[in-house]
Amino acid sequence: MRYAPGADRAVALRSLQRPAGGAGAEQDVQVPWPPTDVQNLGRVGSLPDVLAGLLALLAASALAHLLVTSIRQRRRDLAVLKTLGFVRSQVSAAVA
């Protein structure tokens, strides 16, 4: 159904639901609804953003874990560098 430009939809819908020509029974006017698939698609619209954030968090935590385990495994190498005269900033640069 199309409405005239500037028409009030609620008033037009009520006028259609009035008893028709003295019959006494109200007409059944059905308002169109979007299909269920379209409604469900609207509900999951933010899902890609949530998944991207979760993936970024997982990647950051994996990199942090890799850095910590790498430093722990190379603890003796870093101690040798300190013994040779490296200062803290040089050791940090070697780790980076």
Protein backbone atom coordinates (compact mmCIF):
# COMPACT_ATOMS: atom_id res chain seq x y z
CA MET A 1 0.00 0.00 0.00
CA ARG A 2 1.29 3.45 -0.81
CA TYR A 3 0.33 6.60 1.03
CA ALA A 4 -0.20 10.02 -0.50
CA PRO A 5 2.64 12.46 0.14
CA GLY A 6 2.16 14.11 3.53
CA ALA A 7 -0.43 11.55 4.72
CA ASP A 8 -0.35 10.38 8.33
CA ARG A 9 0.19 6.61 8.32
CA ALA A 10 -1.50 6.00 11.68
CA VAL A 11 -4.66 7.88 10.66
CA ALA A 12 -4.80 6.06 7.32
CA LEU A 13 -4.42 2.69 9.04
CA ARG A 14 -7.22 3.50 11.51
CA SER A 15 -9.51 4.55 8.67
CA LEU A 16 -8.98 1.16 7.06
CA GLN A 17 -9.85 -0.68 10.27
CA ARG A 18 -13.28 1.00 10.68
CA PRO A 19 -16.35 -1.13 9.98
CA ALA A 20 -16.88 -1.40 6.23
CA GLY A 21 -20.19 -0.16 4.84
CA GLY A 22 -22.36 -1.00 7.82
CA ALA A 23 -21.29 -4.62 7.97
CA GLY A 24 -20.34 -4.14 11.65
CA ALA A 25 -17.22 -6.27 11.50
CA GLU A 26 -13.79 -4.70 11.48
CA GLN A 27 -11.58 -5.34 8.51
CA ASP A 28 -8.34 -7.15 9.13
CA VAL A 29 -5.54 -4.89 7.94
CA GLN A 30 -2.14 -6.51 8.02
CA VAL A 31 0.93 -4.32 8.23
CA PRO A 32 3.90 -5.82 6.33
CA TRP A 33 6.82 -7.02 8.45
CA PRO A 34 10.31 -7.72 7.20
CA PRO A 35 11.02 -11.44 6.77
CA THR A 36 12.49 -13.30 9.73
CA ASP A 37 15.81 -13.75 7.94
CA VAL A 38 16.14 -10.00 7.52
CA GLN A 39 15.30 -9.40 11.19
CA ASN A 40 17.87 -11.99 12.28
CA LEU A 41 20.50 -10.41 10.04
CA GLY A 42 19.90 -7.08 11.75
CA ARG A 43 20.46 -8.67 15.15
CA VAL A 44 23.92 -9.95 14.24
CA GLY A 45 25.08 -6.77 12.54
CA SER A 46 27.66 -6.03 15.26
CA LEU A 47 29.04 -9.58 15.33
CA PRO A 48 31.91 -8.91 12.86
CA ASP A 49 33.13 -6.01 15.02
CA VAL A 50 33.04 -8.16 18.15
CA LEU A 51 34.90 -10.98 16.41
CA ALA A 52 37.52 -8.56 15.05
CA GLY A 53 38.09 -7.16 18.54
CA LEU A 54 38.38 -10.63 20.02
CA LEU A 55 40.85 -11.64 17.31
CA ALA A 56 42.95 -8.51 17.91
CA LEU A 57 42.98 -9.22 21.65
CA LEU A 58 44.02 -12.81 21.01
CA ALA A 59 46.83 -11.68 18.67
CA ALA A 60 48.12 -9.13 21.20
CA SER A 61 48.13 -11.70 24.00
CA ALA A 62 49.93 -14.22 21.75
CA LEU A 63 52.65 -11.65 20.99
CA ALA A 64 53.03 -10.80 24.68
CA HIS A 65 53.31 -14.50 25.55
CA LEU A 66 55.90 -15.00 22.80
CA LEU A 67 57.99 -12.11 24.11
CA VAL A 68 57.88 -13.34 27.71
CA THR A 69 58.80 -16.91 26.82
CA SER A 70 61.54 -15.74 24.48
CA ILE A 71 63.11 -13.64 27.21
CA ARG A 72 62.87 -16.50 29.70
CA GLN A 73 64.59 -18.90 27.31
CA ARG A 74 67.37 -16.41 26.57
CA ARG A 75 67.93 -15.45 30.20
CA ARG A 76 71.49 -16.75 30.21
CA ASP A 77 72.34 -14.96 26.96
CA LEU A 78 71.07 -11.70 28.43
CA ALA A 79 73.12 -12.29 31.59
CA VAL A 80 76.24 -12.74 29.46
CA LEU A 81 75.50 -9.43 27.72
CA LYS A 82 75.16 -7.71 31.09
CA THR A 83 78.46 -9.24 32.16
CA LEU A 84 80.10 -7.87 29.03
CA GLY A 85 78.97 -4.37 30.01
CA PHE A 86 75.55 -3.83 28.49
CA VAL A 87 73.36 -1.41 30.42
CA ARG A 88 69.62 -1.88 30.88
CA SER A 89 68.66 0.18 27.81
CA GLN A 90 71.03 -1.85 25.62
CA VAL A 91 69.59 -5.12 26.90
CA SER A 92 66.09 -3.79 26.21
CA ALA A 93 67.14 -2.82 22.70
CA ALA A 94 68.59 -6.31 22.15
CA VAL A 95 65.29 -7.86 23.31
CA ALA A 96 63.27 -5.53 21.07
